[in-house]
C-alpha atoms as a PDB file:
ATOM      1  CA  MET A   1       0.154  -0.178   0.119  1.00  0.00           C
ATOM      2  CA  LYS A   2       2.478   2.792   0.800  1.00  0.00           C
ATOM      3  CA  THR A   3       4.613   1.931  -2.647  1.00  0.00           C
ATOM      4  CA  ARG A   4       1.171   2.403  -4.345  1.00  0.00           C
ATOM      5  CA  VAL A   5       0.464   5.739  -2.429  1.00  0.00           C
ATOM      6  CA  ILE A   6       4.281   7.277  -3.028  1.00  0.00           C
ATOM      7  CA  SER A   7       3.705   5.935  -6.709  1.00  0.00           C
ATOM      8  CA  GLY A   8       0.279   7.843  -6.525  1.00  0.00           C
ATOM      9  CA  ILE A   9       1.699  11.006  -5.588  1.00  0.00           C
ATOM     10  CA  VAL A  10       4.619  11.056  -7.693  1.00  0.00           C
ATOM     11  CA  GLY A  11       2.001  10.376 -10.792  1.00  0.00           C
ATOM     12  CA  VAL A  12       0.039  13.334  -9.658  1.00  0.00           C
ATOM     13  CA  ILE A  13       2.890  15.744  -9.331  1.00  0.00           C
ATOM     14  CA  LEU A  14       3.984  14.445 -12.617  1.00  0.00           C
ATOM     15  CA  GLY A  15       0.865  14.740 -14.320  1.00  0.00           C
ATOM     16  CA  ALA A  16       0.278  18.103 -13.151  1.00  0.00           C
ATOM     17  CA  ILE A  17       3.323  19.480 -14.741  1.00  0.00           C
ATOM     18  CA  VAL A  18       2.687  17.962 -17.850  1.00  0.00           C
ATOM     19  CA  VAL A  19      -0.949  19.780 -18.049  1.00  0.00           C
ATOM     20  CA  THR A  20       0.914  23.285 -16.869  1.00  0.00           C
ATOM     21  CA  GLN A  21       2.479  22.407 -20.534  1.00  0.00           C
ATOM     22  CA  TYR A  22      -0.445  21.594 -22.613  1.00  0.00           C
ATOM     23  CA  TYR A  23      -0.719  24.519 -24.719  1.00  0.00           C
ATOM     24  CA  THR A  24       3.176  24.029 -25.800  1.00  0.00           C
ATOM     25  CA  ILE A  25       4.974  21.232 -27.985  1.00  0.00           C
ATOM     26  CA  LEU A  26       6.068  19.592 -24.653  1.00  0.00           C
ATOM     27  CA  PHE A  27       2.407  18.143 -23.696  1.00  0.00           C
ATOM     28  CA  ASP A  28       2.452  17.029 -27.739  1.00  0.00           C
ATOM     29  CA  ILE A  29       5.633  14.809 -26.380  1.00  0.00           C
ATOM     30  CA  ALA A  30       4.134  13.049 -23.543  1.00  0.00           C
ATOM     31  CA  ALA A  31       1.437  12.230 -25.081  1.00  0.00           C
ATOM     32  CA  PHE A  32       3.540  10.670 -27.531  1.00  0.00           C
ATOM     33  CA  ALA A  33       5.833   8.789 -24.733  1.00  0.00           C
ATOM     34  CA  VAL A  34       2.452   7.991 -22.995  1.00  0.00           C
ATOM     35  CA  TYR A  35       1.472   6.317 -26.547  1.00  0.00           C
ATOM     36  CA  ALA A  36       4.856   5.014 -27.097  1.00  0.00           C
ATOM     37  CA  ILE A  37       4.792   3.016 -23.652  1.00  0.00           C
ATOM     38  CA  ALA A  38       1.268   1.826 -24.298  1.00  0.00           C
ATOM     39  CA  ILE A  39       2.736   0.022 -27.626  1.00  0.00           C
ATOM     40  CA  SER A  40       5.520  -1.550 -25.965  1.00  0.00           C
ATOM     41  CA  GLU A  41       2.897  -3.218 -23.202  1.00  0.00           C
ATOM     42  CA  ILE A  42       0.755  -4.257 -25.918  1.00  0.00           C
ATOM     43  CA  TYR A  43       3.478  -5.624 -27.874  1.00  0.00           C
ATOM     44  CA  ARG A  44       4.296  -7.944 -24.567  1.00  0.00           C
ATOM     45  CA  THR A  45       0.505  -8.723 -24.211  1.00  0.00           C
ATOM     46  CA  PHE A  46       0.355 -10.565 -27.506  1.00  0.00           C
ATOM     47  CA  LYS A  47       4.136 -11.366 -27.163  1.00  0.00           C
ATOM     48  CA  GLU A  48       3.211 -14.607 -28.833  1.00  0.00           C
ATOM     49  CA  GLY A  49       3.871 -14.584 -32.484  1.00  0.00           C
ATOM     50  CA  ASN A  50       3.856 -10.846 -32.723  1.00  0.00           C
ATOM     51  CA  SER A  51       6.245  -8.634 -34.877  1.00  0.00           C
ATOM     52  CA  LYS A  52       8.551  -5.854 -34.089  1.00  0.00           C
ATOM     53  CA  THR A  53       8.229  -4.415 -37.016  1.00  0.00           C
ATOM     54  CA  ALA A  54       4.438  -3.627 -36.657  1.00  0.00           C
ATOM     55  CA  ALA A  55       5.409  -2.218 -33.091  1.00  0.00           C
ATOM     56  CA  VAL A  56       7.793   0.093 -34.741  1.00  0.00           C
ATOM     57  CA  LEU A  57       5.542   1.239 -37.634  1.00  0.00           C
ATOM     58  CA  LEU A  58       2.454   1.811 -35.009  1.00  0.00           C
ATOM     59  CA  THR A  59       4.894   3.673 -33.416  1.00  0.00           C
ATOM     60  CA  VAL A  60       5.950   5.898 -35.741  1.00  0.00           C
ATOM     61  CA  ALA A  61       2.809   6.380 -37.189  1.00  0.00           C
ATOM     62  CA  GLY A  62       1.186   7.583 -33.374  1.00  0.00           C
ATOM     63  CA  ALA A  63       4.448  10.225 -33.913  1.00  0.00           C
ATOM     64  CA  LEU A  64       3.137  11.451 -37.316  1.00  0.00           C
ATOM     65  CA  VAL A  65      -0.550  11.534 -36.043  1.00  0.00           C
ATOM     66  CA  LEU A  66      -0.303  13.086 -32.242  1.00  0.00           C
ATOM     67  CA  PHE A  67       2.608  16.034 -33.912  1.00  0.00           C
ATOM     68  CA  ASN A  68       0.012  17.322 -36.432  1.00  0.00           C
ATOM     69  CA  ALA A  69      -3.181  16.658 -34.316  1.00  0.00           C
ATOM     70  CA  ASN A  70      -3.905  20.453 -36.001  1.00  0.00           C
ATOM     71  CA  TYR A  71      -4.880  18.666 -39.119  1.00  0.00           C
ATOM     72  CA  THR A  72      -1.913  20.377 -41.074  1.00  0.00           C
ATOM     73  CA  ALA A  73      -0.830  16.872 -42.421  1.00  0.00           C
ATOM     74  CA  ASN A  74      -2.587  14.735 -44.985  1.00  0.00           C
ATOM     75  CA  LEU A  75      -3.056  11.405 -42.990  1.00  0.00           C
ATOM     76  CA  VAL A  76      -3.850   9.654 -46.125  1.00  0.00           C
ATOM     77  CA  PRO A  77      -0.583   8.334 -47.076  1.00  0.00           C
ATOM     78  CA  LEU A  78       0.394   7.455 -43.666  1.00  0.00           C
ATOM     79  CA  ALA A  79      -2.230   5.518 -43.885  1.00  0.00           C
ATOM     80  CA  VAL A  80      -1.575   4.119 -47.053  1.00  0.00           C
ATOM     81  CA  ILE A  81       1.806   3.058 -46.150  1.00  0.00           C
ATOM     82  CA  PHE A  82       0.868   1.536 -43.150  1.00  0.00           C
ATOM     83  CA  THR A  83      -1.521  -0.596 -44.446  1.00  0.00           C
ATOM     84  CA  VAL A  84       0.442  -1.869 -47.369  1.00  0.00           C
ATOM     85  CA  ALA A  85       3.234  -2.436 -44.674  1.00  0.00           C
ATOM     86  CA  ALA A  86       1.395  -4.541 -42.524  1.00  0.00           C
ATOM     87  CA  VAL A  87      -0.268  -6.539 -44.950  1.00  0.00           C
ATOM     88  CA  PHE A  88       3.767  -7.260 -46.087  1.00  0.00           C
ATOM     89  CA  ILE A  89       4.628  -8.178 -42.792  1.00  0.00           C
ATOM     90  CA  VAL A  90       2.215 -10.773 -42.873  1.00  0.00           C
ATOM     91  CA  VAL A  91       3.319 -11.867 -46.343  1.00  0.00           C
ATOM     92  CA  PHE A  92       6.446 -12.351 -46.026  1.00  0.00           C
ATOM     93  CA  ASP A  93       6.952 -13.039 -42.583  1.00  0.00           C
ATOM     94  CA  PHE A  94       4.357 -15.531 -41.974  1.00  0.00           C
ATOM     95  CA  GLU A  95       6.444 -18.579 -40.536  1.00  0.00           C
ATOM     96  CA  LYS A  96       7.380 -16.354 -37.574  1.00  0.00           C
ATOM     97  CA  ILE A  97       4.526 -14.312 -36.680  1.00  0.00           C
ATOM     98  CA  LYS A  98       0.522 -15.380 -35.949  1.00  0.00           C
ATOM     99  CA  PHE A  99      -1.963 -13.122 -37.708  1.00  0.00           C
ATOM    100  CA  THR A 100      -3.964 -12.687 -34.513  1.00  0.00           C
ATOM    101  CA  SER A 101      -1.356 -11.314 -32.424  1.00  0.00           C
ATOM    102  CA  VAL A 102      -0.274  -9.020 -35.169  1.00  0.00           C
ATOM    103  CA  ALA A 103      -3.969  -8.155 -35.957  1.00  0.00           C
ATOM    104  CA  SER A 104      -4.867  -7.458 -32.012  1.00  0.00           C
ATOM    105  CA  THR A 105      -1.926  -5.467 -31.466  1.00  0.00           C
ATOM    106  CA  ILE A 106      -2.805  -3.013 -34.546  1.00  0.00           C
ATOM    107  CA  ALA A 107      -6.347  -3.114 -33.179  1.00  0.00           C
ATOM    108  CA  PHE A 108      -5.794  -2.258 -29.704  1.00  0.00           C
ATOM    109  CA  ALA A 109      -2.975   0.429 -30.833  1.00  0.00           C
ATOM    110  CA  GLY A 110      -5.314   2.212 -33.136  1.00  0.00           C
ATOM    111  CA  TYR A 111      -7.718   1.879 -29.911  1.00  0.00           C
ATOM    112  CA  VAL A 112      -4.779   3.859 -27.872  1.00  0.00           C
ATOM    113  CA  LEU A 113      -3.501   6.480 -30.595  1.00  0.00           C
ATOM    114  CA  PHE A 114      -7.051   7.325 -31.081  1.00  0.00           C
ATOM    115  CA  CYS A 115      -8.312   8.255 -27.437  1.00  0.00           C
ATOM    116  CA  ILE A 116      -4.884   9.941 -26.828  1.00  0.00           C
ATOM    117  CA  PHE A 117      -5.779  11.980 -30.059  1.00  0.00           C
ATOM    118  CA  ASN A 118      -8.479  13.345 -28.714  1.00  0.00           C
ATOM    119  CA  ILE A 119      -6.771  15.048 -25.917  1.00  0.00           C
ATOM    120  CA  VAL A 120      -4.055  16.398 -28.311  1.00  0.00           C
ATOM    121  CA  ARG A 121      -6.662  18.017 -30.572  1.00  0.00           C
ATOM    122  CA  LEU A 122      -8.898  19.918 -28.314  1.00  0.00           C
ATOM    123  CA  LYS A 123      -6.134  23.166 -27.994  1.00  0.00           C
ATOM    124  CA  HIS A 124      -6.605  22.880 -31.738  1.00  0.00           C
ATOM    125  CA  ILE A 125      -9.973  23.222 -32.008  1.00  0.00           C
ATOM    126  CA  MET A 126     -10.833  24.923 -29.027  1.00  0.00           C
ATOM    127  CA  PRO A 127      -7.715  27.929 -29.300  1.00  0.00           C
ATOM    128  CA  THR A 128      -7.354  30.462 -26.624  1.00  0.00           C
ATOM    129  CA  GLU A 129      -7.942  33.128 -28.392  1.00  0.00           C
ATOM    130  CA  GLY A 130     -11.747  32.154 -28.918  1.00  0.00           C
ATOM    131  CA  TYR A 131     -11.953  29.465 -25.803  1.00  0.00           C
ATOM    132  CA  GLY A 132      -9.737  31.230 -23.257  1.00  0.00           C
ATOM    133  CA  GLN A 133      -8.372  28.100 -21.226  1.00  0.00           C
ATOM    134  CA  ASP A 134     -11.463  25.858 -22.054  1.00  0.00           C
ATOM    135  CA  ALA A 135      -9.383  23.069 -23.774  1.00  0.00           C
ATOM    136  CA  LEU A 136      -7.089  22.983 -20.949  1.00  0.00           C
ATOM    137  CA  PHE A 137      -9.802  22.555 -18.491  1.00  0.00           C
ATOM    138  CA  LEU A 138     -11.662  19.793 -20.452  1.00  0.00           C
ATOM    139  CA  VAL A 139      -8.265  17.855 -19.975  1.00  0.00           C
ATOM    140  CA  VAL A 140      -8.573  18.011 -16.346  1.00  0.00           C
ATOM    141  CA  LEU A 141     -12.354  17.224 -16.070  1.00  0.00           C
ATOM    142  CA  CYS A 142     -11.384  14.328 -18.066  1.00  0.00           C
ATOM    143  CA  ALA A 143      -8.960  13.217 -14.988  1.00  0.00           C
ATOM    144  CA  GLY A 144     -11.769  14.056 -12.695  1.00  0.00           C
ATOM    145  CA  ILE A 145     -14.387  12.244 -13.976  1.00  0.00           C
ATOM    146  CA  SER A 146     -12.142   9.176 -14.695  1.00  0.00           C
ATOM    147  CA  TRP A 147      -9.851   8.749 -11.764  1.00  0.00           C
ATOM    148  CA  GLY A 148     -12.480  10.703  -9.440  1.00  0.00           C
ATOM    149  CA  GLY A 149     -14.900   8.265 -10.394  1.00  0.00           C
ATOM    150  CA  ASP A 150     -12.705   5.261  -9.834  1.00  0.00           C
ATOM    151  CA  SER A 151     -12.272   6.535  -6.096  1.00  0.00           C
ATOM    152  CA  MET A 152     -15.897   7.273  -5.499  1.00  0.00           C
ATOM    153  CA  ALA A 153     -16.618   3.845  -6.829  1.00  0.00           C
ATOM    154  CA  TYR A 154     -14.337   2.524  -4.943  1.00  0.00           C
ATOM    155  CA  PHE A 155     -15.610   3.487  -1.567  1.00  0.00           C
ATOM    156  CA  ALA A 156     -19.809   3.136  -2.846  1.00  0.00           C
ATOM    157  CA  GLY A 157     -18.258  -0.581  -3.721  1.00  0.00           C
ATOM    158  CA  TYR A 158     -16.632  -0.761  -0.413  1.00  0.00           C
ATOM    159  CA  PHE A 159     -19.560   0.402   2.058  1.00  0.00           C
ATOM    160  CA  PHE A 160     -22.414  -0.708  -0.170  1.00  0.00           C
ATOM    161  CA  GLY A 161     -21.455  -3.009  -2.842  1.00  0.00           C
ATOM    162  CA  LYS A 162     -23.529  -6.339  -2.469  1.00  0.00           C
ATOM    163  CA  HIS A 163     -24.317  -7.076  -6.667  1.00  0.00           C
ATOM    164  CA  LYS A 164     -21.043  -7.996  -8.623  1.00  0.00           C
ATOM    165  CA  MET A 165     -21.015  -5.936 -12.260  1.00  0.00           C
ATOM    166  CA  ALA A 166     -18.505  -8.288 -14.455  1.00  0.00           C
ATOM    167  CA  PRO A 167     -17.137 -11.084 -11.740  1.00  0.00           C
ATOM    168  CA  LYS A 168     -15.618 -12.759 -14.261  1.00  0.00           C
ATOM    169  CA  LEU A 169     -13.176  -9.834 -15.439  1.00  0.00           C
ATOM    170  CA  SER A 170     -13.442  -7.369 -12.301  1.00  0.00           C
ATOM    171  CA  PRO A 171     -14.314  -9.648  -9.365  1.00  0.00           C
ATOM    172  CA  LYS A 172     -14.245  -6.731  -6.742  1.00  0.00           C
ATOM    173  CA  LYS A 173     -16.601  -4.457  -9.281  1.00  0.00           C
ATOM    174  CA  THR A 174     -20.439  -4.157  -7.814  1.00  0.00           C
ATOM    175  CA  ILE A 175     -23.456  -2.321  -9.317  1.00  0.00           C
ATOM    176  CA  GLU A 176     -23.916  -0.613  -6.712  1.00  0.00           C
ATOM    177  CA  GLY A 177     -19.883   0.943  -7.023  1.00  0.00           C
ATOM    178  CA  ALA A 178     -20.847   1.745 -10.398  1.00  0.00           C
ATOM    179  CA  ILE A 179     -23.643   3.552  -9.443  1.00  0.00           C
ATOM    180  CA  GLY A 180     -21.645   5.553  -6.954  1.00  0.00           C
ATOM    181  CA  GLY A 181     -18.805   6.330  -9.396  1.00  0.00           C
ATOM    182  CA  ILE A 182     -21.027   7.860 -11.925  1.00  0.00           C
ATOM    183  CA  ALA A 183     -22.605  10.194  -9.334  1.00  0.00           C
ATOM    184  CA  GLY A 184     -19.293  10.906  -8.033  1.00  0.00           C
ATOM    185  CA  SER A 185     -18.132  11.723 -11.518  1.00  0.00           C
ATOM    186  CA  VAL A 186     -21.176  14.189 -11.994  1.00  0.00           C
ATOM    187  CA  ALA A 187     -20.665  15.834  -8.779  1.00  0.00           C
ATOM    188  CA  ILE A 188     -17.252  15.914  -9.670  1.00  0.00           C
ATOM    189  CA  ALA A 189     -17.712  17.429 -12.762  1.00  0.00           C
ATOM    190  CA  LEU A 190     -20.715  20.133 -11.639  1.00  0.00           C
ATOM    191  CA  ILE A 191     -18.108  21.262  -8.532  1.00  0.00           C
ATOM    192  CA  MET A 192     -15.104  21.726 -11.032  1.00  0.00           C
ATOM    193  CA  THR A 193     -17.007  23.542 -13.894  1.00  0.00           C
ATOM    194  CA  TYR A 194     -18.469  25.901 -10.840  1.00  0.00           C
ATOM    195  CA  ILE A 195     -15.162  26.553  -9.308  1.00  0.00           C
ATOM    196  CA  TYR A 196     -13.841  27.123 -12.949  1.00  0.00           C
ATOM    197  CA  GLY A 197     -16.028  29.524 -13.734  1.00  0.00           C
ATOM    198  CA  LEU A 198     -14.747  31.947 -10.670  1.00  0.00           C
ATOM    199  CA  THR A 199     -11.278  31.639 -11.574  1.00  0.00           C
ATOM    200  CA  PRO A 200      -9.553  34.487 -13.715  1.00  0.00           C
ATOM    201  CA  TYR A 201      -8.843  31.968 -15.993  1.00  0.00           C
ATOM    202  CA  SER A 202     -12.271  31.043 -17.055  1.00  0.00           C
ATOM    203  CA  ALA A 203     -11.923  34.501 -19.469  1.00  0.00           C
ATOM    204  CA  ASN A 204     -13.255  34.504 -22.786  1.00  0.00           C
ATOM    205  CA  SER A 205     -14.417  30.766 -21.910  1.00  0.00           C
ATOM    206  CA  VAL A 206     -17.293  28.993 -23.573  1.00  0.00           C
ATOM    207  CA  VAL A 207     -16.997  26.271 -21.053  1.00  0.00           C
ATOM    208  CA  ALA A 208     -18.074  28.367 -17.971  1.00  0.00           C
ATOM    209  CA  ASP A 209     -21.163  29.379 -19.727  1.00  0.00           C
ATOM    210  CA  ILE A 210     -22.205  25.479 -19.230  1.00  0.00           C
ATOM    211  CA  SER A 211     -22.730  26.435 -15.431  1.00  0.00           C
ATOM    212  CA  LYS A 212     -25.956  28.083 -16.815  1.00  0.00           C
ATOM    213  CA  ASN A 213     -27.327  24.644 -17.988  1.00  0.00           C
ATOM    214  CA  TRP A 214     -26.390  21.983 -15.696  1.00  0.00           C
ATOM    215  CA  ILE A 215     -28.292  19.499 -17.173  1.00  0.00           C
ATOM    216  CA  PHE A 216     -25.602  19.329 -20.637  1.00  0.00           C
ATOM    217  CA  LEU A 217     -23.134  18.502 -17.867  1.00  0.00           C
ATOM    218  CA  VAL A 218     -24.519  16.028 -16.082  1.00  0.00           C
ATOM    219  CA  VAL A 219     -25.347  14.205 -19.004  1.00  0.00           C
ATOM    220  CA  PHE A 220     -21.708  14.387 -20.495  1.00  0.00           C
ATOM    221  CA  ALA A 221     -20.472  13.568 -17.369  1.00  0.00           C
ATOM    222  CA  ALA A 222     -22.857  10.776 -16.421  1.00  0.00           C
ATOM    223  CA  ILE A 223     -21.897   9.223 -19.577  1.00  0.00           C
ATOM    224  CA  GLY A 224     -18.422  10.192 -19.933  1.00  0.00           C
ATOM    225  CA  SER A 225     -17.810   7.440 -16.047  1.00  0.00           C
ATOM    226  CA  PHE A 226     -20.517   4.956 -17.948  1.00  0.00           C
ATOM    227  CA  VAL A 227     -17.960   4.412 -20.922  1.00  0.00           C
ATOM    228  CA  GLY A 228     -14.893   4.577 -17.890  1.00  0.00           C
ATOM    229  CA  ILE A 229     -15.877   1.955 -16.638  1.00  0.00           C
ATOM    230  CA  ILE A 230     -16.540   0.153 -19.822  1.00  0.00           C
ATOM    231  CA  GLY A 231     -13.429   0.874 -20.862  1.00  0.00           C
ATOM    232  CA  ASP A 232     -11.479  -0.310 -17.480  1.00  0.00           C
ATOM    233  CA  LEU A 233     -13.507  -3.900 -18.275  1.00  0.00           C
ATOM    234  CA  PHE A 234     -12.328  -3.961 -21.624  1.00  0.00           C
ATOM    235  CA  ALA A 235      -8.552  -3.646 -20.389  1.00  0.00           C
ATOM    236  CA  SER A 236      -9.454  -6.225 -17.369  1.00  0.00           C
ATOM    237  CA  ALA A 237     -10.703  -8.713 -20.690  1.00  0.00           C
ATOM    238  CA  VAL A 238      -7.708  -8.600 -22.569  1.00  0.00           C
ATOM    239  CA  LYS A 239      -5.601  -9.123 -19.604  1.00  0.00           C
ATOM    240  CA  ARG A 240      -7.618 -11.804 -18.859  1.00  0.00           C
ATOM    241  CA  GLN A 241      -7.658 -13.383 -22.241  1.00  0.00           C
ATOM    242  CA  GLN A 242      -4.088 -13.371 -22.234  1.00  0.00           C
ATOM    243  CA  GLY A 243      -3.368 -14.251 -18.658  1.00  0.00           C
ATOM    244  CA  ILE A 244      -1.777 -11.708 -17.173  1.00  0.00           C
ATOM    245  CA  LYS A 245      -2.090  -9.856 -14.137  1.00  0.00           C
ATOM    246  CA  ASP A 246      -0.903  -5.813 -14.847  1.00  0.00           C
ATOM    247  CA  TYR A 247       0.111  -4.749 -18.649  1.00  0.00           C
ATOM    248  CA  GLY A 248       3.518  -3.289 -17.020  1.00  0.00           C
ATOM    249  CA  ASN A 249       5.229  -1.955 -13.809  1.00  0.00           C
ATOM    250  CA  ILE A 250       5.980   1.698 -14.590  1.00  0.00           C
ATOM    251  CA  MET A 251       4.013   2.793 -11.650  1.00  0.00           C
ATOM    252  CA  PRO A 252       4.580   0.585  -8.757  1.00  0.00           C
ATOM    253  CA  GLY A 253       1.521  -0.591  -7.261  1.00  0.00           C
ATOM    254  CA  HIS A 254      -0.703   0.905 -10.227  1.00  0.00           C
ATOM    255  CA  GLY A 255       0.977  -1.238 -13.111  1.00  0.00           C
ATOM    256  CA  GLY A 256       1.781   0.063 -16.416  1.00  0.00           C
ATOM    257  CA  VAL A 257       0.557   2.710 -18.460  1.00  0.00           C
ATOM    258  CA  LEU A 258      -2.785   0.657 -20.093  1.00  0.00           C
ATOM    259  CA  ASP A 259      -3.707  -0.116 -16.191  1.00  0.00           C
ATOM    260  CA  ARG A 260      -3.434   3.153 -14.828  1.00  0.00           C
ATOM    261  CA  PHE A 261      -5.108   5.241 -17.970  1.00  0.00           C
ATOM    262  CA  ASP A 262      -7.410   2.363 -19.080  1.00  0.00           C
ATOM    263  CA  SER A 263     -10.867   4.347 -18.078  1.00  0.00           C
ATOM    264  CA  PHE A 264      -8.934   8.049 -18.757  1.00  0.00           C
ATOM    265  CA  PHE A 265      -8.731   6.968 -22.703  1.00  0.00           C
ATOM    266  CA  LEU A 266     -12.536   6.391 -23.160  1.00  0.00           C
ATOM    267  CA  VAL A 267     -13.801   9.284 -20.889  1.00  0.00           C
ATOM    268  CA  ALA A 268     -11.225  11.306 -23.269  1.00  0.00           C
ATOM    269  CA  THR A 269     -13.657  10.607 -26.022  1.00  0.00           C
ATOM    270  CA  ILE A 270     -16.914  11.468 -24.333  1.00  0.00           C
ATOM    271  CA  ILE A 271     -14.791  14.915 -23.451  1.00  0.00           C
ATOM    272  CA  SER A 272     -13.758  15.142 -27.424  1.00  0.00           C
ATOM    273  CA  LEU A 273     -17.570  14.697 -28.139  1.00  0.00           C
ATOM    274  CA  MET A 274     -18.685  17.350 -25.652  1.00  0.00           C
ATOM    275  CA  ALA A 275     -16.031  19.932 -27.183  1.00  0.00           C
ATOM    276  CA  ASP A 276     -17.381  19.134 -30.520  1.00  0.00           C
ATOM    277  CA  PHE A 277     -20.707  19.822 -29.554  1.00  0.00           C
ATOM    278  CA  ILE A 278     -19.666  22.765 -27.797  1.00  0.00           C
ATOM    279  CA  VAL A 279     -17.779  24.251 -30.526  1.00  0.00           C
ATOM    280  CA  LEU A 280     -20.378  23.054 -33.338  1.00  0.00           C
ATOM    281  CA  SER A 281     -23.434  25.365 -31.250  1.00  0.00           C
ATOM    282  CA  ASN A 282     -20.953  28.310 -31.280  1.00  0.00           C
ATOM    283  CA  GLY A 283     -20.626  28.169 -27.446  1.00  0.00           C
ATOM    284  CA  VAL A 284     -24.479  28.328 -26.901  1.00  0.00           C
ATOM    285  CA  VAL A 285     -25.866  25.242 -24.895  1.00  0.00           C
END
């Protein structure tokens, strides 16, 4: 427990430092680092019959996507090259690899890349000139909904949990815990948004106006929390099928990147959808 707590504190401090650099290239580098570590964990997860070449290609593809999240680059040539390369790997290295392992690696990596991309792209679709610090706040909100919801689910399950939610995937998760987690995420989102609206950082903010329409925020926070739970179970499902306890050990007591960000990744897609809705509505919610 001591190791887990210390590791968690260090992780929070590092995360806070990275977030302060959200509008700089340093955040993009950090996002790519998370993705690259995730690729190595995915490669080890499907290690039997896997392809190092595919892992390298995925890493390169991730760099090209994440460092061009402002859509200035045409990603079609990249998609064509990667697709052809993946087919070549299977055809010319078929005696050493297994298609199922390589395909699983590509699919899992694509999922992670898409989720991380949704966080990086926020600063490009919600520039500070028109939205103030809204993009940065949404990233912090994503963390609050996912990890704050996880904590609330733990305590709700500990005190009130009776009915198992998915006993074969995650024996400790209960329906009561899930309900508590969703309710906690909604409460955290409401409080965070309200406080954000009181700070100088909300100047020129569009998101802060959501505080005038709680229903909008409640709906997105609840959906985000729910899909976060599903993201957690998805990561657990893969681990169970592959017979592993953790994806890695980069965070002592917490496992690997995929263990720690399992719910965060999927919540990021909902936050991104929320941002798109706000932008398309020209800030009128």
